[in-house]
Amino acid sequence: MRNFVLILLTSLGFCCISQTRYLVVFTDKVETDFDPVSYFDTAALKSFKVQGLPTYDWYDLPVNSSYIKALSPFIDSLRFDLRWFNGVVVYGKADRMDVVKEFSFIKEVITLGNSGAILSRKKDKVFSPNLKSKFNVFDWQLETMGGSYFKKKNLDGTGIRVCVLDVGFPDVDTDPITKHLFNGNYIEGYDFIRDKPLKFKGFKHGKQVLSFIAGKIDTHRVGLATNIELLLARTEWMLTEKPYEEEVWIKALEWAHKKGARLVNSSLGYSGKDHSHEELDGKTTLISKAGNLAARKGLLVINAAGNEGDNKWKKIVLPSDADSVLAVGGISDDNGLRLKFSSFGPSKDLRIKPNVCALGRVNILNNNKLEIIDGTSFSAPLVTGFAACVLQNNPTLKPFELLETLQKVSSLYPYYDYSHGYGVPQASKLFNEVIFNDTASVVLLKSPNYLKDGYYFLKYKNSKYFGTQVFYHIQAKEGYLKSYHVVKFEDDAASFPRIYEKDLEIGDVIRVWHRGTYFEKFIK
């Protein structure tokens, strides 16, 4: 049986138990003397130009230093500034913050909480002897997204800068799967927990995540984008001696933007006691606001949907709720359906979440053993590697366009649901080499008129499809899903899935997807 490796972190303070963390937001900024050429990496300036974005905007301007100086006597310590939110993260006491709130240059004071998880799970089993002969399992994993299409077209993420936010990256420079990235592809790393350059140590989660973006072993790719430009950022504490800070994630995101990243992979999530389902609207929490802002500024965040599907929380984790963050769910390698633990949607405001999905149970090489591990932590980087290849193929895509492209080339599109999103991104669809035809394999029929309770029912058109999976949903006229289902049945009227007319309203839409064919029925 699968065991949990969900790492929950506590709310212990950095200094003393009476201290609380706050984001103190200022009223304005001063633009004088800001030089974007010296502030941004040359890769960032190039990225802005390619995407047709301005060299800088108000959010990039520094926080007013005179405001920080005036604030200093009223706080215990200053952690760091957040340019995108025009504020500083501080430690202090509630009575002092009450005084600070009255200052004319203070817009608001936000109390910061602690809650999060590293979105991986424990291994199931280990393979060992004759290891090389088993490496083709990596080829199979990538082929679930059509990886061979990218290989034929020599697309491997070249020229695309990717930042990975995670808990640690031990021995990534010497590990057989990731060491190739340290022969010219690695740009920089920073430890935002300790506020100093990154050392390649800590919990292996980050190394595993990187493997599924850009790893390779022998002649086999483990991730699709083996030639990316790489940034690494440590944003989490592994153990419980320090708090789990969302603001560190935001600080790292600002840094990734400054350094020219086009993609950020975040296999981390925030939920629990300091958050509620009411916040899952993409515009309430700071971290989700930051994810949306990143997209406006040329940087797409790809976030694991979460491993909360089989516990009390169940729903997607923050910042996956953000409209402009690509949330990735996890599916089984057995049947292609949502794994029980994979968090599901919708968002609070009933938007499609997750956006897409990928394998959530994967093979990884660890200490010369092939292991099976699971978690949406590994679904997200598979999609990040895919996205890097898409960007290499068309570097002018802005984050919103890239997000839309990834959805449109996914396996279920235009069908969707709140467990699988639009399905698994497919390179074959990206290059218009779809393997399915348009001949309907399932039909939606109407019951005889004389029945008191009329209904629609699904039926296979050909006996060869008996017992195969059919996806269908009912969309309300307002645009949200009233229900969605994945069903199998035989050529037996009693087993045909039924949708009763009494459960439908004018304006509802029934949509059906089966093995690449799709149709919809509008209720009039």
Protein backbone atom coordinates (compact mmCIF):
# COMPACT_ATOMS: atom_id res chain seq x y z
CA MET A 1 0.00 0.00 0.00
CA ARG A 2 1.07 3.56 -0.69
CA ASN A 3 2.25 5.55 2.33
CA PHE A 4 1.94 9.26 2.84
CA VAL A 5 4.99 11.47 2.63
CA LEU A 6 3.02 14.68 2.88
CA ILE A 7 5.29 16.98 4.82
CA LEU A 8 3.30 19.36 6.96
CA LEU A 9 5.19 22.25 8.48
CA THR A 10 4.39 24.07 11.67
CA SER A 11 3.98 27.68 12.64
CA LEU A 12 6.93 28.06 15.02
CA GLY A 13 8.46 31.51 14.84
CA PHE A 14 11.97 32.51 13.85
CA CYS A 15 12.70 34.42 17.03
CA CYS A 16 10.26 33.99 19.84
CA ILE A 17 6.78 32.63 20.29
CA SER A 18 5.19 36.07 20.81
CA GLN A 19 6.33 37.32 17.42
CA THR A 20 4.16 37.30 14.32
CA ARG A 21 5.06 37.83 10.69
CA TYR A 22 3.45 40.70 8.81
CA LEU A 23 3.51 42.14 5.33
CA VAL A 24 3.53 45.91 5.71
CA VAL A 25 2.29 47.46 2.46
CA PHE A 26 3.23 51.03 1.55
CA THR A 27 1.08 53.57 -0.28
CA ASP A 28 3.38 54.51 -3.17
CA LYS A 29 6.74 54.18 -4.89
CA VAL A 30 9.29 56.62 -6.26
CA GLU A 31 10.47 55.91 -9.82
CA THR A 32 13.61 58.04 -9.84
CA ASP A 33 16.99 56.39 -10.53
CA PHE A 34 15.61 52.96 -11.44
CA ASP A 35 17.75 51.38 -14.15
CA PRO A 36 16.19 48.21 -15.60
CA VAL A 37 19.35 47.31 -17.51
CA SER A 38 21.36 46.98 -14.31
CA TYR A 39 18.49 45.39 -12.33
CA PHE A 40 17.43 42.67 -14.77
CA ASP A 41 19.50 39.82 -16.15
CA THR A 42 20.14 40.17 -19.88
CA ALA A 43 18.03 37.04 -20.39
CA ALA A 44 15.09 38.82 -18.75
CA LEU A 45 15.44 41.85 -21.02
CA LYS A 46 15.57 39.54 -24.03
CA SER A 47 12.48 37.68 -22.80
CA PHE A 48 10.51 40.92 -22.43
CA LYS A 49 11.46 41.97 -25.96
CA VAL A 50 10.55 38.61 -27.52
CA GLN A 51 7.15 38.68 -25.79
CA GLY A 52 6.49 42.32 -26.66
CA LEU A 53 6.41 43.34 -22.98
CA PRO A 54 7.66 46.63 -21.51
CA THR A 55 11.18 46.63 -20.09
CA TYR A 56 9.74 47.26 -16.64
CA ASP A 57 6.59 48.39 -14.89
CA TRP A 58 5.53 49.83 -11.53
CA TYR A 59 5.83 46.46 -9.83
CA ASP A 60 9.56 46.28 -10.58
CA LEU A 61 10.37 49.57 -8.89
CA PRO A 62 12.11 49.28 -5.51
CA VAL A 63 10.30 49.73 -2.22
CA ASN A 64 10.77 53.21 -0.77
CA SER A 65 13.79 53.02 1.53
CA SER A 66 12.71 56.06 3.57
CA TYR A 67 9.48 54.24 4.49
CA ILE A 68 11.48 51.22 5.64
CA LYS A 69 13.70 53.45 7.77
CA ALA A 70 10.68 55.12 9.39
CA LEU A 71 9.14 51.73 10.11
CA SER A 72 12.27 50.20 11.69
CA PRO A 73 11.78 51.43 15.32
CA PHE A 74 8.37 49.74 15.46
CA ILE A 75 9.37 46.22 14.37
CA ASP A 76 11.55 43.49 15.87
CA SER A 77 13.27 42.56 12.60
CA LEU A 78 13.02 42.98 8.84
CA ARG A 79 12.97 39.82 6.71
CA PHE A 80 12.93 41.17 3.15
CA ASP A 81 11.05 43.43 0.77
CA LEU A 82 8.51 42.34 -1.86
CA ARG A 83 8.56 44.75 -4.79
CA TRP A 84 5.48 43.26 -6.44
CA PHE A 85 3.42 44.02 -3.32
CA ASN A 86 5.21 47.29 -2.46
CA GLY A 87 5.93 46.15 1.07
CA VAL A 88 8.25 44.48 3.53
CA VAL A 89 7.95 41.26 5.51
CA VAL A 90 8.67 41.94 9.17
CA TYR A 91 8.54 40.29 12.58
CA GLY A 92 6.78 42.21 15.28
CA LYS A 93 4.07 42.40 17.89
CA ALA A 94 0.40 43.13 17.42
CA ASP A 95 0.33 46.29 19.57
CA ARG A 96 3.18 47.82 17.55
CA MET A 97 1.43 46.95 14.29
CA ASP A 98 -1.66 48.78 15.51
CA VAL A 99 0.50 51.91 15.74
CA VAL A 100 2.08 51.29 12.33
CA LYS A 101 -1.33 51.05 10.63
CA GLU A 102 -1.95 54.72 11.42
CA PHE A 103 1.11 56.01 9.56
CA SER A 104 0.20 58.04 6.46
CA PHE A 105 2.52 56.02 4.19
CA ILE A 106 1.04 52.63 5.22
CA LYS A 107 -1.65 51.20 2.97
CA GLU A 108 -2.32 48.03 4.99
CA VAL A 109 -0.74 45.51 7.36
CA ILE A 110 -1.37 41.84 6.56
CA THR A 111 -0.85 39.07 9.11
CA LEU A 112 0.94 36.13 7.52
CA GLY A 113 0.16 32.48 8.27
CA ASN A 114 1.85 29.12 7.88
CA SER A 115 0.55 26.07 6.06
CA GLY A 116 1.92 23.98 3.29
CA ALA A 117 3.04 20.69 1.87
CA ILE A 118 5.66 19.14 -0.35
CA LEU A 119 3.52 17.35 -2.88
CA SER A 120 5.22 13.96 -3.15
CA ARG A 121 4.37 10.54 -1.75
CA LYS A 122 6.48 7.53 -0.80
CA LYS A 123 7.75 4.90 -3.20
CA ASP A 124 5.74 1.74 -3.76
CA LYS A 125 8.40 -0.72 -4.84
CA VAL A 126 11.97 -1.08 -6.01
CA PHE A 127 13.50 -2.77 -9.04
CA SER A 128 17.20 -3.48 -9.19
CA PRO A 129 19.17 -6.09 -11.20
CA ASN A 130 20.00 -5.42 -14.84
CA LEU A 131 19.05 -1.79 -14.35
CA LYS A 132 19.87 -0.42 -17.80
CA SER A 133 17.44 -2.77 -19.48
CA LYS A 134 14.65 -1.09 -17.54
CA PHE A 135 15.49 2.49 -18.55
CA ASN A 136 13.01 2.35 -21.44
CA VAL A 137 10.32 2.93 -18.81
CA PHE A 138 11.41 6.58 -18.96
CA ASP A 139 10.72 6.62 -22.70
CA TRP A 140 7.24 5.22 -22.04
CA GLN A 141 6.50 7.87 -19.41
CA LEU A 142 7.33 10.67 -21.82
CA GLU A 143 5.48 8.99 -24.67
CA THR A 144 2.24 9.44 -22.70
CA MET A 145 2.66 13.06 -23.84
CA GLY A 146 4.01 12.21 -27.29
CA GLY A 147 7.62 12.87 -26.36
CA SER A 148 8.98 11.28 -29.55
CA TYR A 149 7.47 14.14 -31.58
CA PHE A 150 9.69 16.62 -29.76
CA LYS A 151 12.71 14.37 -30.19
CA LYS A 152 12.15 14.09 -33.96
CA LYS A 153 11.96 17.88 -34.20
CA ASN A 154 15.04 18.39 -32.00
CA LEU A 155 13.06 20.23 -29.36
CA ASP A 156 14.63 19.89 -25.92
CA GLY A 157 14.03 23.24 -24.22
CA THR A 158 17.13 24.90 -25.65
CA GLY A 159 17.20 28.60 -24.84
CA ILE A 160 14.29 28.44 -22.38
CA ARG A 161 15.12 29.50 -18.83
CA VAL A 162 13.25 27.52 -16.15
CA CYS A 163 13.25 28.08 -12.40
CA VAL A 164 12.43 25.29 -9.94
CA LEU A 165 11.11 26.29 -6.51
CA ASP A 166 11.54 23.51 -3.99
CA VAL A 167 12.88 22.29 -0.67
CA GLY A 168 16.36 21.08 -1.64
CA PHE A 169 18.58 19.92 -4.49
CA PRO A 170 21.15 17.48 -3.05
CA ASP A 171 23.98 16.43 -5.37
CA VAL A 172 22.18 17.62 -8.51
CA ASP A 173 25.57 18.54 -9.99
CA THR A 174 26.84 14.96 -9.68
CA ASP A 175 23.68 12.84 -9.91
CA PRO A 176 23.71 10.77 -13.13
CA ILE A 177 20.27 12.06 -14.18
CA THR A 178 20.88 15.80 -13.70
CA LYS A 179 24.66 16.32 -13.88
CA HIS A 180 24.57 17.16 -17.61
CA LEU A 181 22.84 20.44 -16.72
CA PHE A 182 25.97 21.61 -14.90
CA ASN A 183 28.11 21.72 -18.01
CA GLY A 184 26.88 25.15 -19.05
CA ASN A 185 23.10 25.07 -18.52
CA TYR A 186 23.00 25.97 -14.83
CA ILE A 187 22.69 29.72 -14.39
CA GLU A 188 22.29 30.35 -10.66
CA GLY A 189 20.74 29.11 -7.44
CA TYR A 190 19.65 30.84 -4.28
CA ASP A 191 18.58 29.66 -0.84
CA PHE A 192 15.77 32.01 0.17
CA ILE A 193 15.38 30.33 3.55
CA ARG A 194 18.96 31.07 4.62
CA ASP A 195 19.33 34.13 2.37
CA LYS A 196 22.54 33.03 0.68
CA PRO A 197 23.71 31.23 -2.47
CA LEU A 198 22.32 27.74 -2.87
CA LYS A 199 24.25 24.67 -1.78
CA PHE A 200 23.41 21.35 -3.39
CA LYS A 201 22.14 19.57 -0.31
CA GLY A 202 18.93 18.98 1.63
CA PHE A 203 15.83 16.91 0.94
CA LYS A 204 15.89 15.11 -2.44
CA HIS A 205 12.41 16.23 -3.50
CA GLY A 206 13.74 19.11 -5.60
CA LYS A 207 16.22 16.85 -7.36
CA GLN A 208 13.45 14.42 -8.25
CA VAL A 209 11.28 17.23 -9.57
CA LEU A 210 14.14 18.55 -11.71
CA SER A 211 14.65 15.05 -13.13
CA PHE A 212 11.16 15.05 -14.65
CA ILE A 213 11.73 18.43 -16.28
CA ALA A 214 15.21 17.99 -17.69
CA GLY A 215 16.76 14.70 -16.60
CA LYS A 216 18.40 12.08 -18.79
CA ILE A 217 20.20 8.81 -18.17
CA ASP A 218 22.25 6.86 -20.66
CA THR A 219 20.41 7.45 -23.97
CA HIS A 220 17.03 7.92 -22.30
CA ARG A 221 15.32 11.18 -21.43
CA VAL A 222 13.64 11.35 -18.03
CA GLY A 223 12.25 14.81 -18.73
CA LEU A 224 11.40 16.33 -22.10
CA ALA A 225 13.50 19.50 -21.78
CA THR A 226 17.04 18.23 -21.26
CA ASN A 227 18.76 21.40 -22.47
CA ILE A 228 17.02 24.19 -20.55
CA GLU A 229 18.78 27.07 -18.85
CA LEU A 230 18.35 26.35 -15.15
CA LEU A 231 17.62 28.43 -12.05
CA LEU A 232 17.14 26.76 -8.66
CA ALA A 233 15.50 28.34 -5.62
CA ARG A 234 15.12 26.84 -2.19
CA THR A 235 11.92 28.18 -0.65
CA GLU A 236 10.90 25.64 2.01
CA TRP A 237 12.12 24.14 5.27
CA MET A 238 12.03 20.37 5.26
CA LEU A 239 11.69 19.88 9.00
CA THR A 240 9.49 21.61 11.54
CA GLU A 241 11.94 23.90 13.32
CA LYS A 242 10.96 26.89 11.17
CA PRO A 243 7.70 28.22 9.73
CA TYR A 244 6.51 27.46 6.23
CA GLU A 245 6.39 30.78 4.53
CA GLU A 246 4.39 31.66 1.45
CA GLU A 247 6.12 35.02 1.24
CA VAL A 248 9.44 33.23 0.61
CA TRP A 249 7.83 31.60 -2.42
CA ILE A 250 6.78 35.05 -3.65
CA LYS A 251 10.26 36.47 -3.09
CA ALA A 252 11.74 33.61 -5.14
CA LEU A 253 9.18 34.24 -7.89
CA GLU A 254 10.29 37.88 -8.11
CA TRP A 255 13.88 36.65 -8.35
CA ALA A 256 13.03 34.18 -11.12
CA HIS A 257 11.42 37.01 -13.09
CA LYS A 258 14.45 39.23 -12.54
CA LYS A 259 16.74 36.44 -13.76
CA GLY A 260 14.80 35.89 -16.98
CA ALA A 261 12.85 32.68 -16.32
CA ARG A 262 10.01 31.93 -18.73
CA LEU A 263 8.66 29.05 -16.64
CA VAL A 264 8.53 28.32 -12.92
CA ASN A 265 7.85 24.82 -11.63
CA SER A 266 6.31 24.71 -8.16
CA SER A 267 5.64 21.24 -6.78
CA LEU A 268 4.60 22.84 -3.50
CA GLY A 269 1.18 23.74 -2.17
CA TYR A 270 -0.57 25.67 0.54
CA SER A 271 -3.72 24.63 2.37
CA GLY A 272 -4.66 23.61 5.90
CA LYS A 273 -5.63 25.49 9.00
CA ASP A 274 -4.47 28.91 7.80
CA HIS A 275 -6.55 28.70 4.63
CA SER A 276 -10.08 27.81 3.64
CA HIS A 277 -11.92 26.76 0.50
CA GLU A 278 -13.39 30.27 0.42
CA GLU A 279 -9.96 31.57 -0.57
CA LEU A 280 -9.68 29.38 -3.67
CA ASP A 281 -10.85 32.12 -6.00
CA GLY A 282 -7.46 33.04 -7.46
CA LYS A 283 -7.52 36.59 -6.11
CA THR A 284 -7.64 36.42 -2.32
CA THR A 285 -4.28 35.06 -1.14
CA LEU A 286 -0.96 36.76 -1.71
CA ILE A 287 0.58 33.70 -3.31
CA SER A 288 -2.22 33.37 -5.87
CA LYS A 289 -2.08 37.07 -6.63
CA ALA A 290 1.66 36.67 -7.24
CA GLY A 291 1.05 33.76 -9.62
CA ASN A 292 -1.38 35.86 -11.64
CA LEU A 293 0.95 38.85 -11.66
CA ALA A 294 3.84 36.67 -12.87
CA ALA A 295 1.83 35.74 -15.96
CA ARG A 296 1.19 39.40 -16.74
CA LYS A 297 4.93 39.97 -16.51
CA GLY A 298 5.97 37.16 -18.87
CA LEU A 299 6.42 34.20 -16.52
CA LEU A 300 4.13 31.15 -16.36
CA VAL A 301 3.89 29.28 -13.05
CA ILE A 302 3.17 25.56 -13.41
CA ASN A 303 1.95 24.25 -10.05
CA ALA A 304 1.08 20.81 -8.73
CA ALA A 305 -2.67 20.59 -8.04
CA GLY A 306 -2.05 18.95 -4.67
CA ASN A 307 -2.24 15.57 -2.93
CA GLU A 308 -5.30 16.36 -0.85
CA GLY A 309 -7.89 14.39 -2.83
CA ASP A 310 -8.22 11.62 -0.27
CA ASN A 311 -8.08 13.74 2.88
CA LYS A 312 -10.22 16.39 4.54
CA TRP A 313 -9.12 19.29 2.32
CA LYS A 314 -9.70 17.44 -1.02
CA LYS A 315 -9.53 20.52 -3.26
CA ILE A 316 -6.67 22.05 -5.21
CA VAL A 317 -4.00 23.82 -3.16
CA LEU A 318 -2.83 27.42 -3.43
CA PRO A 319 -1.64 28.91 -5.77
CA SER A 320 -3.18 26.40 -8.20
CA ASP A 321 -6.45 28.30 -7.87
CA ALA A 322 -5.02 31.34 -9.66
CA ASP A 323 -6.52 31.95 -13.07
CA SER A 324 -3.13 32.37 -14.75
CA VAL A 325 -1.34 29.52 -12.96
CA LEU A 326 -1.38 26.19 -14.80
CA ALA A 327 -2.55 23.59 -12.24
CA VAL A 328 -1.54 19.99 -12.97
CA GLY A 329 -3.38 16.97 -11.58
CA GLY A 330 -2.10 13.41 -11.32
CA ILE A 331 -3.43 10.39 -13.21
CA SER A 332 -2.86 6.65 -12.89
CA ASP A 333 -0.58 4.77 -15.25
CA ASP A 334 -3.13 1.92 -15.18
CA ASN A 335 -6.30 3.59 -16.46
CA GLY A 336 -5.43 7.23 -17.15
CA LEU A 337 -7.86 8.49 -14.51
CA ARG A 338 -7.33 10.76 -11.53
CA LEU A 339 -5.38 9.13 -8.77
CA LYS A 340 -7.32 9.06 -5.53
CA PHE A 341 -4.96 11.47 -3.80
CA SER A 342 -4.82 14.03 -6.62
CA SER A 343 -6.61 17.24 -5.60
CA PHE A 344 -9.59 18.25 -7.69
CA GLY A 345 -11.53 21.40 -8.52
CA PRO A 346 -13.25 23.55 -9.27
CA SER A 347 -11.99 26.82 -7.88
CA LYS A 348 -14.29 28.67 -5.49
CA ASP A 349 -15.62 30.74 -8.39
CA LEU A 350 -16.24 27.51 -10.38
CA ARG A 351 -13.41 27.80 -12.91
CA ILE A 352 -11.76 24.74 -14.48
CA LYS A 353 -9.11 23.37 -12.15
CA PRO A 354 -6.86 21.49 -12.57
CA ASN A 355 -6.11 22.81 -16.05
CA VAL A 356 -4.37 19.66 -17.30
CA CYS A 357 -2.97 16.43 -15.89
CA ALA A 358 -0.04 14.04 -16.28
CA LEU A 359 1.22 10.83 -14.74
CA GLY A 360 1.15 11.03 -10.96
CA ARG A 361 2.83 7.67 -10.39
CA VAL A 362 6.25 7.57 -12.00
CA ASN A 363 9.55 5.70 -12.10
CA ILE A 364 12.68 7.40 -10.83
CA LEU A 365 16.29 6.33 -10.42
CA ASN A 366 17.49 6.61 -6.82
CA ASN A 367 20.81 5.23 -5.54
CA ASN A 368 21.10 2.88 -8.52
CA LYS A 369 17.63 1.52 -7.94
CA LEU A 370 14.53 2.09 -10.01
CA GLU A 371 11.72 3.22 -7.72
CA ILE A 372 8.06 4.04 -8.17
CA ILE A 373 7.04 7.27 -6.50
CA ASP A 374 3.82 9.20 -6.69
CA GLY A 375 2.44 12.67 -6.17
CA THR A 376 1.33 15.61 -8.24
CA SER A 377 4.83 16.88 -7.47
CA PHE A 378 5.93 14.80 -10.44
CA SER A 379 2.96 15.49 -12.70
CA ALA A 380 3.79 19.21 -12.75
CA PRO A 381 7.43 18.91 -13.90
CA LEU A 382 6.47 16.52 -16.70
CA VAL A 383 4.22 19.30 -18.01
CA THR A 384 6.91 21.94 -17.36
CA GLY A 385 9.28 20.01 -19.62
CA PHE A 386 6.54 19.84 -22.25
CA ALA A 387 5.93 23.59 -21.93
CA ALA A 388 9.64 24.36 -22.37
CA CYS A 389 9.62 22.48 -25.68
CA VAL A 390 6.50 24.36 -26.78
CA LEU A 391 8.22 27.67 -25.97
CA GLN A 392 11.35 26.65 -27.84
CA ASN A 393 9.17 25.93 -30.84
CA ASN A 394 7.40 29.30 -30.48
CA PRO A 395 9.27 31.63 -28.10
CA THR A 396 6.94 34.58 -28.75
CA LEU A 397 4.11 32.94 -26.80
CA LYS A 398 3.06 34.95 -23.77
CA PRO A 399 2.09 33.07 -20.60
CA PHE A 400 -1.65 33.37 -21.28
CA GLU A 401 -1.12 32.08 -24.82
CA LEU A 402 1.10 29.26 -23.61
CA LEU A 403 -1.45 28.23 -20.97
CA GLU A 404 -4.19 28.21 -23.58
CA THR A 405 -2.01 26.22 -25.98
CA LEU A 406 -1.26 23.58 -23.34
CA GLN A 407 -4.97 23.21 -22.68
CA LYS A 408 -5.93 23.02 -26.36
CA VAL A 409 -3.38 20.32 -27.18
CA SER A 410 -4.42 18.15 -24.25
CA SER A 411 -5.97 14.74 -24.77
CA LEU A 412 -9.59 15.49 -23.76
CA TYR A 413 -9.93 18.97 -25.26
CA PRO A 414 -12.48 20.50 -25.79
CA TYR A 415 -14.00 18.24 -23.15
CA TYR A 416 -12.95 18.94 -19.54
CA ASP A 417 -13.85 18.11 -15.99
CA TYR A 418 -12.77 19.02 -12.47
CA SER A 419 -10.57 15.95 -12.00
CA HIS A 420 -8.55 15.83 -15.22
CA GLY A 421 -8.89 19.36 -16.61
CA TYR A 422 -8.47 19.11 -20.37
CA GLY A 423 -6.39 15.94 -20.05
CA VAL A 424 -2.73 15.20 -20.77
CA PRO A 425 -0.83 17.57 -23.13
CA GLN A 426 -0.06 15.82 -26.44
CA ALA A 427 2.75 16.75 -28.82
CA SER A 428 0.82 15.06 -31.66
CA LYS A 429 -1.96 17.63 -31.28
CA LEU A 430 0.55 20.48 -31.06
CA PHE A 431 1.90 19.51 -34.48
CA ASN A 432 -1.53 18.62 -35.90
CA GLU A 433 -0.64 14.95 -36.19
CA VAL A 434 -3.61 13.62 -34.24
CA ILE A 435 -3.87 9.83 -34.18
CA PHE A 436 -7.67 9.75 -33.78
CA ASN A 437 -10.28 10.36 -36.48
CA ASP A 438 -13.55 12.28 -36.22
CA THR A 439 -15.90 9.34 -36.61
CA ALA A 440 -18.17 9.17 -33.56
CA SER A 441 -17.66 5.98 -31.55
CA VAL A 442 -20.43 6.69 -29.01
CA VAL A 443 -23.92 8.07 -29.55
CA LEU A 444 -26.35 9.89 -27.27
CA LEU A 445 -29.90 8.63 -27.81
CA LYS A 446 -33.33 9.60 -26.50
CA SER A 447 -35.67 7.27 -24.61
CA PRO A 448 -39.12 6.48 -26.09
CA ASN A 449 -41.61 9.35 -25.78
CA TYR A 450 -44.18 7.26 -23.93
CA LEU A 451 -41.98 6.92 -20.83
CA LYS A 452 -43.05 9.06 -17.88
CA ASP A 453 -39.47 9.85 -16.89
CA GLY A 454 -37.69 10.53 -20.15
CA TYR A 455 -33.93 10.32 -20.41
CA TYR A 456 -30.92 10.41 -22.71
CA PHE A 457 -28.59 7.42 -22.80
CA LEU A 458 -25.14 6.60 -24.15
CA LYS A 459 -24.45 3.66 -26.42
CA TYR A 460 -21.33 2.37 -28.19
CA LYS A 461 -21.60 2.34 -31.99
CA ASN A 462 -19.34 -0.68 -32.40
CA SER A 463 -18.87 -3.84 -30.37
CA LYS A 464 -15.08 -3.37 -30.30
CA TYR A 465 -15.60 -0.46 -27.90
CA PHE A 466 -17.64 -2.39 -25.31
CA GLY A 467 -16.25 -1.77 -21.83
CA THR A 468 -14.05 1.20 -22.80
CA GLN A 469 -14.06 4.49 -20.87
CA VAL A 470 -16.48 7.24 -21.83
CA PHE A 471 -16.21 10.73 -20.33
CA TYR A 472 -19.28 12.91 -20.10
CA HIS A 473 -20.39 15.98 -18.20
CA ILE A 474 -23.40 18.25 -17.83
CA GLN A 475 -22.64 21.95 -17.98
CA ALA A 476 -25.12 24.46 -16.56
CA LYS A 477 -26.11 27.45 -18.67
CA GLU A 478 -24.02 29.61 -16.31
CA GLY A 479 -20.89 27.74 -17.44
CA TYR A 480 -20.03 25.52 -14.46
CA LEU A 481 -20.27 21.72 -14.38
CA LYS A 482 -23.31 20.28 -12.62
CA SER A 483 -21.78 16.80 -12.77
CA TYR A 484 -19.13 14.81 -14.60
CA HIS A 485 -18.54 11.08 -15.00
CA VAL A 486 -16.26 8.41 -16.44
CA VAL A 487 -18.20 5.24 -17.24
CA LYS A 488 -17.85 1.79 -18.82
CA PHE A 489 -20.75 -0.36 -19.97
CA GLU A 490 -21.68 -3.26 -22.23
CA ASP A 491 -24.22 -3.74 -25.01
CA ASP A 492 -27.00 -4.08 -22.50
CA ALA A 493 -29.78 -1.50 -22.22
CA ALA A 494 -29.85 -1.84 -18.45
CA SER A 495 -26.20 -0.77 -18.23
CA PHE A 496 -26.39 2.25 -20.56
CA PRO A 497 -25.62 5.48 -18.64
CA ARG A 498 -28.78 7.58 -18.31
CA ILE A 499 -29.26 11.33 -17.99
CA TYR A 500 -32.82 12.07 -16.90
CA GLU A 501 -34.66 15.03 -18.40
CA LYS A 502 -35.94 16.04 -14.98
CA ASP A 503 -32.32 16.77 -14.00
CA LEU A 504 -31.74 19.03 -17.02
CA GLU A 505 -32.66 22.66 -17.64
CA ILE A 506 -32.92 24.74 -20.79
CA GLY A 507 -29.43 25.98 -21.59
CA ASP A 508 -27.61 22.94 -20.15
CA VAL A 509 -25.06 21.19 -22.34
CA ILE A 510 -24.21 17.48 -22.37
CA ARG A 511 -20.68 16.86 -23.63
CA VAL A 512 -19.20 13.44 -24.39
CA TRP A 513 -15.63 12.35 -25.12
CA HIS A 514 -14.57 8.84 -26.14
CA ARG A 515 -11.22 7.80 -27.57
CA GLY A 516 -10.57 11.08 -29.34
CA THR A 517 -14.11 11.69 -30.56
CA TYR A 518 -16.25 14.43 -29.06
CA PHE A 519 -19.78 15.78 -29.37
CA GLU A 520 -22.19 17.95 -27.43
CA LYS A 521 -25.95 18.22 -27.02
CA PHE A 522 -27.60 21.55 -26.16
CA ILE A 523 -30.80 21.30 -24.15
CA LYS A 524 -33.53 23.51 -25.64
